[in-house]
PDB file of N, CA and C in Angstrom:
ATOM      1  N   UNK A   1      30.517   6.776   2.930  1.00  0.00           N
ATOM      2  CA  UNK A   1      29.179   6.853   3.496  1.00  0.00           C
ATOM      3  C   UNK A   1      29.175   6.279   4.908  1.00  0.00           C
ATOM      4  N   UNK A   2      28.363   6.857   5.732  1.00  0.00           N
ATOM      5  CA  UNK A   2      28.198   6.378   7.099  1.00  0.00           C
ATOM      6  C   UNK A   2      26.994   5.447   7.133  1.00  0.00           C
ATOM      7  N   UNK A   3      27.238   4.147   6.883  1.00  0.00           N
ATOM      8  CA  UNK A   3      26.149   3.172   6.790  1.00  0.00           C
ATOM      9  C   UNK A   3      25.403   3.008   8.108  1.00  0.00           C
ATOM     10  N   UNK A   4      26.098   3.111   9.217  1.00  0.00           N
ATOM     11  CA  UNK A   4      25.421   2.991  10.515  1.00  0.00           C
ATOM     12  C   UNK A   4      24.421   4.133  10.702  1.00  0.00           C
ATOM     13  N   UNK A   5      24.801   5.336  10.319  1.00  0.00           N
ATOM     14  CA  UNK A   5      23.901   6.489  10.439  1.00  0.00           C
ATOM     15  C   UNK A   5      22.695   6.311   9.524  1.00  0.00           C
ATOM     16  N   UNK A   6      22.950   5.879   8.304  1.00  0.00           N
ATOM     17  CA  UNK A   6      21.861   5.659   7.344  1.00  0.00           C
ATOM     18  C   UNK A   6      20.908   4.594   7.871  1.00  0.00           C
ATOM     19  N   UNK A   7      21.446   3.524   8.399  1.00  0.00           N
ATOM     20  CA  UNK A   7      20.624   2.453   8.947  1.00  0.00           C
ATOM     21  C   UNK A   7      19.799   2.948  10.132  1.00  0.00           C
ATOM     22  N   UNK A   8      20.425   3.691  11.031  1.00  0.00           N
ATOM     23  CA  UNK A   8      19.699   4.232  12.188  1.00  0.00           C
ATOM     24  C   UNK A   8      18.548   5.130  11.742  1.00  0.00           C
ATOM     25  N   UNK A   9      18.811   5.997  10.779  1.00  0.00           N
ATOM     26  CA  UNK A   9      17.768   6.909  10.299  1.00  0.00           C
ATOM     27  C   UNK A   9      16.648   6.150   9.613  1.00  0.00           C
ATOM     28  N   UNK A  10      16.982   5.131   8.846  1.00  0.00           N
ATOM     29  CA  UNK A  10      15.972   4.340   8.160  1.00  0.00           C
ATOM     30  C   UNK A  10      15.107   3.567   9.153  1.00  0.00           C
ATOM     31  N   UNK A  11      15.745   2.968  10.153  1.00  0.00           N
ATOM     32  CA  UNK A  11      15.003   2.230  11.175  1.00  0.00           C
ATOM     33  C   UNK A  11      14.089   3.183  11.929  1.00  0.00           C
ATOM     34  N   UNK A  12      14.570   4.362  12.241  1.00  0.00           N
ATOM     35  CA  UNK A  12      13.749   5.344  12.946  1.00  0.00           C
ATOM     36  C   UNK A  12      12.541   5.723  12.093  1.00  0.00           C
ATOM     37  N   UNK A  13      12.743   5.941  10.804  1.00  0.00           N
ATOM     38  CA  UNK A  13      11.632   6.271   9.907  1.00  0.00           C
ATOM     39  C   UNK A  13      10.612   5.141   9.880  1.00  0.00           C
ATOM     40  N   UNK A  14      11.081   3.902   9.744  1.00  0.00           N
ATOM     41  CA  UNK A  14      10.178   2.751   9.695  1.00  0.00           C
ATOM     42  C   UNK A  14       9.378   2.632  10.993  1.00  0.00           C
ATOM     43  N   UNK A  15      10.031   2.827  12.130  1.00  0.00           N
ATOM     44  CA  UNK A  15       9.333   2.755  13.415  1.00  0.00           C
ATOM     45  C   UNK A  15       8.274   3.850  13.526  1.00  0.00           C
ATOM     46  N   UNK A  16       8.636   5.061  13.126  1.00  0.00           N
ATOM     47  CA  UNK A  16       7.689   6.175  13.177  1.00  0.00           C
ATOM     48  C   UNK A  16       6.529   5.946  12.214  1.00  0.00           C
ATOM     49  N   UNK A  17       6.830   5.408  11.050  1.00  0.00           N
ATOM     50  CA  UNK A  17       5.781   5.126  10.073  1.00  0.00           C
ATOM     51  C   UNK A  17       4.806   4.088  10.618  1.00  0.00           C
ATOM     52  N   UNK A  18       5.324   3.009  11.191  1.00  0.00           N
ATOM     53  CA  UNK A  18       4.452   1.975  11.771  1.00  0.00           C
ATOM     54  C   UNK A  18       3.554   2.560  12.852  1.00  0.00           C
ATOM     55  N   UNK A  19       4.125   3.387  13.702  1.00  0.00           N
ATOM     56  CA  UNK A  19       3.335   4.019  14.763  1.00  0.00           C
ATOM     57  C   UNK A  19       2.259   4.919  14.169  1.00  0.00           C
ATOM     58  N   UNK A  20       2.625   5.704  13.194  1.00  0.00           N
ATOM     59  CA  UNK A  20       1.703   6.632  12.538  1.00  0.00           C
ATOM     60  C   UNK A  20       0.562   5.886  11.847  1.00  0.00           C
ATOM     61  N   UNK A  21       0.872   4.741  11.262  1.00  0.00           N
ATOM     62  CA  UNK A  21      -0.122   3.991  10.483  1.00  0.00           C
ATOM     63  C   UNK A  21      -0.991   3.062  11.332  1.00  0.00           C
ATOM     64  N   UNK A  22      -0.952   3.188  12.631  1.00  0.00           N
ATOM     65  CA  UNK A  22      -1.835   2.392  13.476  1.00  0.00           C
ATOM     66  C   UNK A  22      -3.289   2.833  13.338  1.00  0.00           C
ATOM     67  N   UNK A  23      -3.494   4.083  12.996  1.00  0.00           N
ATOM     68  CA  UNK A  23      -4.835   4.653  12.859  1.00  0.00           C
ATOM     69  C   UNK A  23      -5.354   4.416  11.442  1.00  0.00           C
ATOM     70  N   UNK A  24      -6.513   3.754  11.297  1.00  0.00           N
ATOM     71  CA  UNK A  24      -7.070   3.506   9.959  1.00  0.00           C
ATOM     72  C   UNK A  24      -7.299   4.780   9.136  1.00  0.00           C
ATOM     73  N   UNK A  25      -7.584   5.897   9.783  1.00  0.00           N
ATOM     74  CA  UNK A  25      -7.752   7.157   9.045  1.00  0.00           C
ATOM     75  C   UNK A  25      -6.425   7.612   8.441  1.00  0.00           C
ATOM     76  N   UNK A  26      -5.347   7.405   9.176  1.00  0.00           N
ATOM     77  CA  UNK A  26      -4.021   7.732   8.661  1.00  0.00           C
ATOM     78  C   UNK A  26      -3.624   6.777   7.539  1.00  0.00           C
ATOM     79  N   UNK A  27      -4.019   5.522   7.662  1.00  0.00           N
ATOM     80  CA  UNK A  27      -3.764   4.547   6.601  1.00  0.00           C
ATOM     81  C   UNK A  27      -4.471   4.981   5.319  1.00  0.00           C
ATOM     82  N   UNK A  28      -5.724   5.399   5.465  1.00  0.00           N
ATOM     83  CA  UNK A  28      -6.502   5.833   4.296  1.00  0.00           C
ATOM     84  C   UNK A  28      -5.847   7.052   3.645  1.00  0.00           C
ATOM     85  N   UNK A  29      -5.414   7.999   4.441  1.00  0.00           N
ATOM     86  CA  UNK A  29      -4.750   9.197   3.911  1.00  0.00           C
ATOM     87  C   UNK A  29      -3.442   8.815   3.224  1.00  0.00           C
ATOM     88  N   UNK A  30      -2.669   7.946   3.841  1.00  0.00           N
ATOM     89  CA  UNK A  30      -1.398   7.455   3.293  1.00  0.00           C
ATOM     90  C   UNK A  30      -1.621   6.813   1.926  1.00  0.00           C
ATOM     91  N   UNK A  31      -2.643   5.962   1.837  1.00  0.00           N
ATOM     92  CA  UNK A  31      -2.946   5.287   0.571  1.00  0.00           C
ATOM     93  C   UNK A  31      -3.491   6.258  -0.467  1.00  0.00           C
ATOM     94  N   UNK A  32      -4.301   7.224  -0.042  1.00  0.00           N
ATOM     95  CA  UNK A  32      -4.854   8.194  -0.985  1.00  0.00           C
ATOM     96  C   UNK A  32      -3.751   9.041  -1.609  1.00  0.00           C
ATOM     97  N   UNK A  33      -2.808   9.480  -0.808  1.00  0.00           N
ATOM     98  CA  UNK A  33      -1.686  10.271  -1.328  1.00  0.00           C
ATOM     99  C   UNK A  33      -0.882   9.434  -2.319  1.00  0.00           C
ATOM    100  N   UNK A  34      -0.626   8.176  -1.972  1.00  0.00           N
ATOM    101  CA  UNK A  34       0.131   7.295  -2.866  1.00  0.00           C
ATOM    102  C   UNK A  34      -0.626   7.044  -4.165  1.00  0.00           C
ATOM    103  N   UNK A  35      -1.937   6.865  -4.073  1.00  0.00           N
ATOM    104  CA  UNK A  35      -2.752   6.653  -5.269  1.00  0.00           C
ATOM    105  C   UNK A  35      -2.778   7.915  -6.135  1.00  0.00           C
ATOM    106  N   UNK A  36      -2.901   9.069  -5.508  1.00  0.00           N
ATOM    107  CA  UNK A  36      -2.878  10.345  -6.249  1.00  0.00           C
ATOM    108  C   UNK A  36      -1.562  10.512  -6.995  1.00  0.00           C
ATOM    109  N   UNK A  37      -0.464  10.172  -6.342  1.00  0.00           N
ATOM    110  CA  UNK A  37       0.844  10.278  -6.987  1.00  0.00           C
ATOM    111  C   UNK A  37       0.952   9.302  -8.156  1.00  0.00           C
ATOM    112  N   UNK A  38       0.436   8.107  -7.969  1.00  0.00           N
ATOM    113  CA  UNK A  38       0.436   7.121  -9.056  1.00  0.00           C
ATOM    114  C   UNK A  38      -0.344   7.648 -10.253  1.00  0.00           C
ATOM    115  N   UNK A  39      -1.482   8.246  -9.993  1.00  0.00           N
ATOM    116  CA  UNK A  39      -2.310   8.794 -11.073  1.00  0.00           C
ATOM    117  C   UNK A  39      -1.560   9.902 -11.808  1.00  0.00           C
ATOM    118  N   UNK A  40      -0.809  10.711 -11.083  1.00  0.00           N
ATOM    119  CA  UNK A  40      -0.068  11.821 -11.691  1.00  0.00           C
ATOM    120  C   UNK A  40       1.134  11.354 -12.513  1.00  0.00           C
ATOM    121  N   UNK A  41       1.907  10.416 -11.948  1.00  0.00           N
ATOM    122  CA  UNK A  41       3.178  10.086 -12.616  1.00  0.00           C
ATOM    123  C   UNK A  41       3.237   8.674 -13.217  1.00  0.00           C
ATOM    124  N   UNK A  42       2.234   7.850 -12.950  1.00  0.00           N
ATOM    125  CA  UNK A  42       2.206   6.516 -13.533  1.00  0.00           C
ATOM    126  C   UNK A  42       3.179   5.522 -12.915  1.00  0.00           C
ATOM    127  N   UNK A  43       3.921   5.946 -11.903  1.00  0.00           N
ATOM    128  CA  UNK A  43       4.861   5.064 -11.233  1.00  0.00           C
ATOM    129  C   UNK A  43       4.168   4.446 -10.022  1.00  0.00           C
ATOM    130  N   UNK A  44       3.855   3.167 -10.131  1.00  0.00           N
ATOM    131  CA  UNK A  44       3.074   2.561  -9.058  1.00  0.00           C
ATOM    132  C   UNK A  44       3.919   1.948  -7.949  1.00  0.00           C
ATOM    133  N   UNK A  45       5.242   2.045  -8.016  1.00  0.00           N
ATOM    134  CA  UNK A  45       6.092   1.474  -6.966  1.00  0.00           C
ATOM    135  C   UNK A  45       5.795   2.081  -5.593  1.00  0.00           C
ATOM    136  N   UNK A  46       5.645   3.391  -5.523  1.00  0.00           N
ATOM    137  CA  UNK A  46       5.357   4.048  -4.240  1.00  0.00           C
ATOM    138  C   UNK A  46       3.977   3.645  -3.726  1.00  0.00           C
ATOM    139  N   UNK A  47       3.039   3.486  -4.649  1.00  0.00           N
ATOM    140  CA  UNK A  47       1.700   3.050  -4.242  1.00  0.00           C
ATOM    141  C   UNK A  47       1.768   1.642  -3.661  1.00  0.00           C
ATOM    142  N   UNK A  48       2.477   0.742  -4.331  1.00  0.00           N
ATOM    143  CA  UNK A  48       2.595  -0.630  -3.835  1.00  0.00           C
ATOM    144  C   UNK A  48       3.302  -0.665  -2.481  1.00  0.00           C
ATOM    145  N   UNK A  49       4.325   0.161  -2.327  1.00  0.00           N
ATOM    146  CA  UNK A  49       5.030   0.256  -1.049  1.00  0.00           C
ATOM    147  C   UNK A  49       4.063   0.690   0.049  1.00  0.00           C
ATOM    148  N   UNK A  50       3.250   1.681  -0.245  1.00  0.00           N
ATOM    149  CA  UNK A  50       2.291   2.188   0.743  1.00  0.00           C
ATOM    150  C   UNK A  50       1.270   1.121   1.114  1.00  0.00           C
ATOM    151  N   UNK A  51       0.781   0.421   0.118  1.00  0.00           N
ATOM    152  CA  UNK A  51      -0.183  -0.649   0.352  1.00  0.00           C
ATOM    153  C   UNK A  51       0.461  -1.765   1.180  1.00  0.00           C
ATOM    154  N   UNK A  52       1.686  -2.106   0.845  1.00  0.00           N
ATOM    155  CA  UNK A  52       2.410  -3.138   1.593  1.00  0.00           C
ATOM    156  C   UNK A  52       2.564  -2.744   3.059  1.00  0.00           C
ATOM    157  N   UNK A  53       2.875  -1.479   3.331  1.00  0.00           N
ATOM    158  CA  UNK A  53       3.058  -1.016   4.707  1.00  0.00           C
ATOM    159  C   UNK A  53       1.765  -1.116   5.507  1.00  0.00           C
ATOM    160  N   UNK A  54       0.638  -0.786   4.895  1.00  0.00           N
ATOM    161  CA  UNK A  54      -0.648  -0.883   5.590  1.00  0.00           C
ATOM    162  C   UNK A  54      -0.940  -2.348   5.929  1.00  0.00           C
ATOM    163  N   UNK A  55      -0.714  -3.226   4.993  1.00  0.00           N
ATOM    164  CA  UNK A  55      -0.940  -4.655   5.223  1.00  0.00           C
ATOM    165  C   UNK A  55      -0.002  -5.167   6.310  1.00  0.00           C
ATOM    166  N   UNK A  56       1.238  -4.711   6.269  1.00  0.00           N
ATOM    167  CA  UNK A  56       2.230  -5.113   7.271  1.00  0.00           C
ATOM    168  C   UNK A  56       1.830  -4.636   8.666  1.00  0.00           C
ATOM    169  N   UNK A  57       1.422  -3.374   8.783  1.00  0.00           N
ATOM    170  CA  UNK A  57       1.033  -2.805  10.070  1.00  0.00           C
ATOM    171  C   UNK A  57      -0.162  -3.554  10.664  1.00  0.00           C
ATOM    172  N   UNK A  58      -1.045  -4.008   9.805  1.00  0.00           N
ATOM    173  CA  UNK A  58      -2.231  -4.738  10.275  1.00  0.00           C
ATOM    174  C   UNK A  58      -1.958  -6.223  10.516  1.00  0.00           C
ATOM    175  N   UNK A  59      -0.737  -6.665  10.256  1.00  0.00           N
ATOM    176  CA  UNK A  59      -0.364  -8.076  10.433  1.00  0.00           C
ATOM    177  C   UNK A  59      -1.302  -9.010   9.669  1.00  0.00           C
ATOM    178  N   UNK A  60      -1.586  -8.650   8.432  1.00  0.00           N
ATOM    179  CA  UNK A  60      -2.501  -9.425   7.602  1.00  0.00           C
ATOM    180  C   UNK A  60      -1.744 -10.565   6.926  1.00  0.00           C
ATOM    181  N   UNK A  61      -2.314 -11.735   6.990  1.00  0.00           N
ATOM    182  CA  UNK A  61      -1.761 -12.896   6.313  1.00  0.00           C
ATOM    183  C   UNK A  61      -2.129 -12.821   4.832  1.00  0.00           C
ATOM    184  N   UNK A  62      -1.126 -12.893   3.980  1.00  0.00           N
ATOM    185  CA  UNK A  62      -1.369 -12.859   2.534  1.00  0.00           C
ATOM    186  C   UNK A  62      -2.187 -14.079   2.117  1.00  0.00           C
ATOM    187  N   UNK A  63      -1.933 -15.198   2.748  1.00  0.00           N
ATOM    188  CA  UNK A  63      -2.680 -16.424   2.433  1.00  0.00           C
ATOM    189  C   UNK A  63      -4.175 -16.216   2.732  1.00  0.00           C
ATOM    190  N   UNK A  64      -4.486 -15.662   3.905  1.00  0.00           N
ATOM    191  CA  UNK A  64      -5.882 -15.418   4.282  1.00  0.00           C
ATOM    192  C   UNK A  64      -6.509 -14.365   3.364  1.00  0.00           C
ATOM    193  N   UNK A  65      -5.753 -13.318   3.092  1.00  0.00           N
ATOM    194  CA  UNK A  65      -6.239 -12.263   2.207  1.00  0.00           C
ATOM    195  C   UNK A  65      -6.555 -12.836   0.823  1.00  0.00           C
ATOM    196  N   UNK A  66      -5.679 -13.670   0.330  1.00  0.00           N
ATOM    197  CA  UNK A  66      -5.870 -14.295  -0.972  1.00  0.00           C
ATOM    198  C   UNK A  66      -7.153 -15.113  -1.002  1.00  0.00           C
ATOM    199  N   UNK A  67      -7.339 -15.903   0.025  1.00  0.00           N
ATOM    200  CA  UNK A  67      -8.526 -16.759   0.099  1.00  0.00           C
ATOM    201  C   UNK A  67      -9.805 -15.929   0.162  1.00  0.00           C
ATOM    202  N   UNK A  68      -9.799 -14.899   0.990  1.00  0.00           N
ATOM    203  CA  UNK A  68     -11.013 -14.108   1.205  1.00  0.00           C
ATOM    204  C   UNK A  68     -11.322 -13.138   0.061  1.00  0.00           C
ATOM    205  N   UNK A  69     -10.300 -12.746  -0.688  1.00  0.00           N
ATOM    206  CA  UNK A  69     -10.531 -11.845  -1.825  1.00  0.00           C
ATOM    207  C   UNK A  69     -10.648 -12.595  -3.143  1.00  0.00           C
ATOM    208  N   UNK A  70     -10.310 -13.889  -3.098  1.00  0.00           N
ATOM    209  CA  UNK A  70     -10.279 -14.724  -4.297  1.00  0.00           C
ATOM    210  C   UNK A  70      -9.266 -14.216  -5.327  1.00  0.00           C
ATOM    211  N   UNK A  71      -8.189 -13.602  -4.815  1.00  0.00           N
ATOM    212  CA  UNK A  71      -7.069 -13.185  -5.651  1.00  0.00           C
ATOM    213  C   UNK A  71      -5.934 -14.175  -5.449  1.00  0.00           C
ATOM    214  N   UNK A  72      -5.174 -14.406  -6.471  1.00  0.00           N
ATOM    215  CA  UNK A  72      -4.045 -15.324  -6.399  1.00  0.00           C
ATOM    216  C   UNK A  72      -3.014 -14.820  -5.389  1.00  0.00           C
ATOM    217  N   UNK A  73      -2.587 -15.721  -4.509  1.00  0.00           N
ATOM    218  CA  UNK A  73      -1.568 -15.377  -3.516  1.00  0.00           C
ATOM    219  C   UNK A  73      -0.303 -14.881  -4.196  1.00  0.00           C
ATOM    220  N   UNK A  74       0.116 -15.566  -5.245  1.00  0.00           N
ATOM    221  CA  UNK A  74       1.341 -15.168  -5.933  1.00  0.00           C
ATOM    222  C   UNK A  74       1.183 -13.791  -6.590  1.00  0.00           C
ATOM    223  N   UNK A  75       0.000 -13.494  -7.097  1.00  0.00           N
ATOM    224  CA  UNK A  75      -0.220 -12.170  -7.693  1.00  0.00           C
ATOM    225  C   UNK A  75      -0.198 -11.064  -6.647  1.00  0.00           C
ATOM    226  N   UNK A  76      -0.753 -11.341  -5.480  1.00  0.00           N
ATOM    227  CA  UNK A  76      -0.710 -10.345  -4.399  1.00  0.00           C
ATOM    228  C   UNK A  76       0.731 -10.094  -3.990  1.00  0.00           C
ATOM    229  N   UNK A  77       1.501 -11.160  -3.849  1.00  0.00           N
ATOM    230  CA  UNK A  77       2.907 -11.018  -3.460  1.00  0.00           C
ATOM    231  C   UNK A  77       3.683 -10.241  -4.517  1.00  0.00           C
ATOM    232  N   UNK A  78       3.479 -10.578  -5.793  1.00  0.00           N
ATOM    233  CA  UNK A  78       4.148  -9.841  -6.872  1.00  0.00           C
ATOM    234  C   UNK A  78       3.756  -8.373  -6.861  1.00  0.00           C
ATOM    235  N   UNK A  79       2.495  -8.100  -6.623  1.00  0.00           N
ATOM    236  CA  UNK A  79       2.000  -6.727  -6.581  1.00  0.00           C
ATOM    237  C   UNK A  79       2.679  -5.950  -5.468  1.00  0.00           C
ATOM    238  N   UNK A  80       2.706  -6.527  -4.268  1.00  0.00           N
ATOM    239  CA  UNK A  80       3.286  -5.835  -3.114  1.00  0.00           C
ATOM    240  C   UNK A  80       4.797  -5.708  -3.208  1.00  0.00           C
ATOM    241  N   UNK A  81       5.442  -6.662  -3.850  1.00  0.00           N
ATOM    242  CA  UNK A  81       6.896  -6.604  -4.013  1.00  0.00           C
ATOM    243  C   UNK A  81       7.320  -5.705  -5.171  1.00  0.00           C
ATOM    244  N   UNK A  82       6.345  -5.202  -5.916  1.00  0.00           N
ATOM    245  CA  UNK A  82       6.662  -4.365  -7.065  1.00  0.00           C
ATOM    246  C   UNK A  82       7.231  -5.157  -8.228  1.00  0.00           C
ATOM    247  N   UNK A  83       6.983  -6.459  -8.250  1.00  0.00           N
ATOM    248  CA  UNK A  83       7.534  -7.302  -9.312  1.00  0.00           C
ATOM    249  C   UNK A  83       6.628  -7.384 -10.526  1.00  0.00           C
ATOM    250  N   UNK A  84       5.478  -6.767 -10.450  1.00  0.00           N
ATOM    251  CA  UNK A  84       4.595  -6.743 -11.604  1.00  0.00           C
ATOM    252  C   UNK A  84       4.917  -5.487 -12.416  1.00  0.00           C
ATOM    253  N   UNK A  85       4.900  -5.613 -13.699  1.00  0.00           N
ATOM    254  CA  UNK A  85       5.275  -4.489 -14.568  1.00  0.00           C
ATOM    255  C   UNK A  85       4.058  -3.766 -15.149  1.00  0.00           C
ATOM    256  N   UNK A  86       2.884  -4.206 -14.753  1.00  0.00           N
ATOM    257  CA  UNK A  86       1.667  -3.565 -15.247  1.00  0.00           C
ATOM    258  C   UNK A  86       0.854  -3.043 -14.073  1.00  0.00           C
ATOM    259  N   UNK A  87       0.037  -2.071 -14.353  1.00  0.00           N
ATOM    260  CA  UNK A  87      -0.850  -1.530 -13.328  1.00  0.00           C
ATOM    261  C   UNK A  87      -1.908  -2.562 -12.982  1.00  0.00           C
ATOM    262  N   UNK A  88      -2.338  -2.584 -11.728  1.00  0.00           N
ATOM    263  CA  UNK A  88      -3.359  -3.553 -11.352  1.00  0.00           C
ATOM    264  C   UNK A  88      -4.711  -3.206 -11.980  1.00  0.00           C
ATOM    265  N   UNK A  89      -5.520  -4.222 -12.186  1.00  0.00           N
ATOM    266  CA  UNK A  89      -6.870  -3.992 -12.668  1.00  0.00           C
ATOM    267  C   UNK A  89      -7.676  -3.333 -11.559  1.00  0.00           C
ATOM    268  N   UNK A  90      -8.650  -2.555 -11.947  1.00  0.00           N
ATOM    269  CA  UNK A  90      -9.476  -1.857 -10.962  1.00  0.00           C
ATOM    270  C   UNK A  90     -10.170  -2.840 -10.031  1.00  0.00           C
ATOM    271  N   UNK A  91     -10.617  -3.984 -10.556  1.00  0.00           N
ATOM    272  CA  UNK A  91     -11.301  -4.945  -9.680  1.00  0.00           C
ATOM    273  C   UNK A  91     -10.347  -5.537  -8.647  1.00  0.00           C
ATOM    274  N   UNK A  92      -9.068  -5.639  -8.983  1.00  0.00           N
ATOM    275  CA  UNK A  92      -8.082  -6.115  -8.016  1.00  0.00           C
ATOM    276  C   UNK A  92      -7.946  -5.109  -6.880  1.00  0.00           C
ATOM    277  N   UNK A  93      -7.823  -3.827  -7.226  1.00  0.00           N
ATOM    278  CA  UNK A  93      -7.718  -2.793  -6.194  1.00  0.00           C
ATOM    279  C   UNK A  93      -8.977  -2.724  -5.349  1.00  0.00           C
ATOM    280  N   UNK A  94     -10.127  -2.834  -5.990  1.00  0.00           N
ATOM    281  CA  UNK A  94     -11.394  -2.786  -5.248  1.00  0.00           C
ATOM    282  C   UNK A  94     -11.452  -3.932  -4.237  1.00  0.00           C
ATOM    283  N   UNK A  95     -11.058  -5.123  -4.647  1.00  0.00           N
ATOM    284  CA  UNK A  95     -11.071  -6.272  -3.738  1.00  0.00           C
ATOM    285  C   UNK A  95     -10.113  -6.062  -2.569  1.00  0.00           C
ATOM    286  N   UNK A  96      -8.924  -5.563  -2.864  1.00  0.00           N
ATOM    287  CA  UNK A  96      -7.940  -5.336  -1.797  1.00  0.00           C
ATOM    288  C   UNK A  96      -8.420  -4.238  -0.863  1.00  0.00           C
ATOM    289  N   UNK A  97      -8.876  -3.126  -1.413  1.00  0.00           N
ATOM    290  CA  UNK A  97      -9.366  -2.035  -0.568  1.00  0.00           C
ATOM    291  C   UNK A  97     -10.569  -2.469   0.255  1.00  0.00           C
ATOM    292  N   UNK A  98     -11.471  -3.226  -0.352  1.00  0.00           N
ATOM    293  CA  UNK A  98     -12.630  -3.717   0.387  1.00  0.00           C
ATOM    294  C   UNK A  98     -12.183  -4.603   1.538  1.00  0.00           C
ATOM    295  N   UNK A  99     -11.224  -5.468   1.284  1.00  0.00           N
ATOM    296  CA  UNK A  99     -10.697  -6.337   2.332  1.00  0.00           C
ATOM    297  C   UNK A  99     -10.104  -5.508   3.482  1.00  0.00           C
ATOM    298  N   UNK A 100      -9.504  -4.383   3.158  1.00  0.00           N
ATOM    299  CA  UNK A 100      -8.904  -3.505   4.163  1.00  0.00           C
ATOM    300  C   UNK A 100      -9.917  -2.529   4.770  1.00  0.00           C
ATOM    301  N   UNK A 101     -11.179  -2.656   4.368  1.00  0.00           N
ATOM    302  CA  UNK A 101     -12.264  -1.774   4.820  1.00  0.00           C
ATOM    303  C   UNK A 101     -12.100  -0.334   4.339  1.00  0.00           C
ATOM    304  N   UNK A 102     -11.615  -0.200   3.111  1.00  0.00           N
ATOM    305  CA  UNK A 102     -11.541   1.095   2.453  1.00  0.00           C
ATOM    306  C   UNK A 102     -12.412   1.045   1.210  1.00  0.00           C
ATOM    307  N   UNK A 103     -12.747   2.213   0.685  1.00  0.00           N
ATOM    308  CA  UNK A 103     -13.497   2.275  -0.555  1.00  0.00           C
ATOM    309  C   UNK A 103     -12.883   3.323  -1.468  1.00  0.00           C
ATOM    310  N   UNK A 104     -13.087   3.139  -2.750  1.00  0.00           N
ATOM    311  CA  UNK A 104     -12.610   4.101  -3.737  1.00  0.00           C
ATOM    312  C   UNK A 104     -13.767   5.024  -4.074  1.00  0.00           C
ATOM    313  N   UNK A 105     -13.514   6.307  -4.036  1.00  0.00           N
ATOM    314  CA  UNK A 105     -14.558   7.283  -4.355  1.00  0.00           C
ATOM    315  C   UNK A 105     -14.103   8.166  -5.497  1.00  0.00           C
ATOM    316  N   UNK A 106     -15.037   8.597  -6.285  1.00  0.00           N
ATOM    317  CA  UNK A 106     -14.767   9.542  -7.368  1.00  0.00           C
ATOM    318  C   UNK A 106     -15.347  10.882  -6.950  1.00  0.00           C
ATOM    319  N   UNK A 107     -14.573  11.935  -7.157  1.00  0.00           N
ATOM    320  CA  UNK A 107     -15.065  13.269  -6.823  1.00  0.00           C
ATOM    321  C   UNK A 107     -14.512  14.262  -7.838  1.00  0.00           C
ATOM    322  N   UNK A 108     -15.172  15.386  -7.977  1.00  0.00           N
ATOM    323  CA  UNK A 108     -14.677  16.396  -8.918  1.00  0.00           C
ATOM    324  C   UNK A 108     -13.302  16.920  -8.483  1.00  0.00           C
ATOM    325  N   UNK A 109     -12.492  17.276  -9.466  1.00  0.00           N
ATOM    326  CA  UNK A 109     -11.201  17.878  -9.165  1.00  0.00           C
ATOM    327  C   UNK A 109     -11.420  19.214  -8.486  1.00  0.00           C
ATOM    328  N   UNK A 110     -10.510  19.545  -7.613  1.00  0.00           N
ATOM    329  CA  UNK A 110     -10.565  20.851  -6.958  1.00  0.00           C
ATOM    330  C   UNK A 110      -9.886  21.864  -7.852  1.00  0.00           C
ATOM    331  N   UNK A 111     -10.439  23.058  -7.890  1.00  0.00           N
ATOM    332  CA  UNK A 111      -9.892  24.116  -8.747  1.00  0.00           C
ATOM    333  C   UNK A 111      -8.557  24.596  -8.266  1.00  0.00           C
TER     334      UNK A 111
END
């Protein structure tokens, strides 16, 4: 394997992703796609990764987020690191999304 090539490509992807996620509308779309995939396949690792990237791009302090959302700092870290083996409670997601200035909406499925 060409590890240098793999590293270069990965770094390029991360840089492009950070640039792309500067726009809150793009962040919302990124999170919606990840949430939709989680709903379809039940694998929340990609969703947590997406959420982590949005928080990272915004330079949000987990300590401050924890205090303002009244969620445990350690639970937020476990959630973002994918170290939790259960799906988050809806109120946890609502608090995190609210903190990020997003909202969860329900709408009819498209045909």
